[in-house]
Amino acid sequence: MNRKEILMVISILAIVLLLALIPVLARGIVSEGLLIGPEPYEAINGTGTAFSWMLGIIKSVLGLKAALTAAKAIPIASIILGGFMLFLILRLERSRIVSLLALTFFISSSAAISAMLRFGDYATHFLLASLGILIFTRKRAWPFSVIPLIIMCRSSPAFGLAILVGIFIFSAKRYLVRSLAVCLVSGLVGISVQGLVTVPGQKLLIADFGAITGVSIFTLLAAFGGMFVIWNRRTTMAGYYLFLAAVAAGFWLWPSEYALLLAAISSIFAAFAVERLLVMKWQFNLIKHLTLLTIACGVLFSLLVTLDTLTVSQPDSLMVQSWLSLSRMPKGNVLSLEEYGPWIRSFSGQEHSIQTSDAYEIFYAVELKKAKTVLAENNISYIWINDEMKNGRIWHQPEEGLLFLLRNNETFNKVYQHAGIEIWEVANLSLS
């Protein structure tokens, strides 16, 4: 690698790191760097993801803070390294500018940003897929590509299916035996039919319209332009169209699993379009610059929309503060929304174990005796509620259901109140 190539690699890494750090810094400023969603906290507690064992080991050896730090670092590193490998893969056949543009579009997509800000399997799957494909392209090392591909397929059969289809589409013509061997071994060992049966997720695609793991509308428009630009080379570029069709179909069945793949292939097509705008001759350079500026501003706008959504996502620092206060109270079982369970267990160390039907029976109880019975059956010691629950999520009236019963000082004792968050201790469950 000569000096020019080394400088190019350093420049690319600097751009990727800058784009990746923007959402991380934004989340750190707004919510003190708290991880988004229940997934990372479920993983720390040993459930929820295929790679939760890593955080479990870190937590048991180094403690909760180290596990939370690892849960922040692993998805960021996975997306950055996976994105850089995507660049290296594209550089094998595409120009440097296409590879760099595709990487930029991908890193700024809401799918990549969302994957970086929450510990889930998606970022790790993307890293394993990128690593497997990169090894597959190497002349002597390609047999070893089955190692990351099998791990990925066993963790997510749906994601693995798309990657193996993509490998075969792009390489069968040139490396038929190699592609068949890798796809068959990885597929037969890693993919199970049962694993392909998953619960459909939210099929939102466009980040500007609220999709947390989607693609910018300007990236999609540029991608459509890229399809048109390379259409005259469709015989040699057929792999891109076929893979896009496969990913689009997979997104309809497994939207959460395929969001990163859809963002990646859309970014590649968008890169083709922008490359054509850069190299073509314009009669008026002003129009060229305005067109490129419009695309850049559009992608930036989508990035800001995604940041605005993700940086204020739960949990926030006020919620964590209440759970830390709860951690200093005697051990017990906490009643709250089911989705708050992983956070309550992680930050307070308290239990959150109750059937959803029993929880809602308590929330809407109008008789104190009935509420006491269900509370006692579930060994409830504390009740955690916030403004979201009181303003439509659970209750719609100020004294509806449990909110009215909480006025009974003999049974319920308010032990915490701050910023709309209340913790009630269940003091007396005798039915007399």
Foldseek 3Di string as FASTA:
>chain_A
DDPVVVVVLVVLLVLLVVLLVVLQVLLCVLFVRAFFFLQLLCLCVPDRAPPSVVLVVCCVPPNLVRSRVCQLPVLSVLLSQLLVLQLVLCVVPHPNLLSSQLSNQLSLFLQSNSSNRGRHCQSVLSSLLSVLVSLCPDDPRNVVSLVSLQVSCQRAVLLSVLSLVLLCLQPCVPCVPSSVVSSVVSNVNRHDPVRLDDDEDDLDADLVVPDSLHHHPLLQVLLVLLCVLCVVVCVVVVSLVVSLVVLVVSCRSHVSNSSSVNSSSSSSSSSSSLVCLVPDDDPDVVVSVVVVVVSVVSSVVSSVSSSVVRSPHDDHPVVLVVLLVLLPDDEFEEQDDPRCQSVSCSRNVHHHDDDPVLSLCQQQAPDPLVNLVSCVVVRHFKYKDFVVCCVPVRHPDCCGHNNVVCVPCQQWDWDDDDPRITMIGGHDSDND
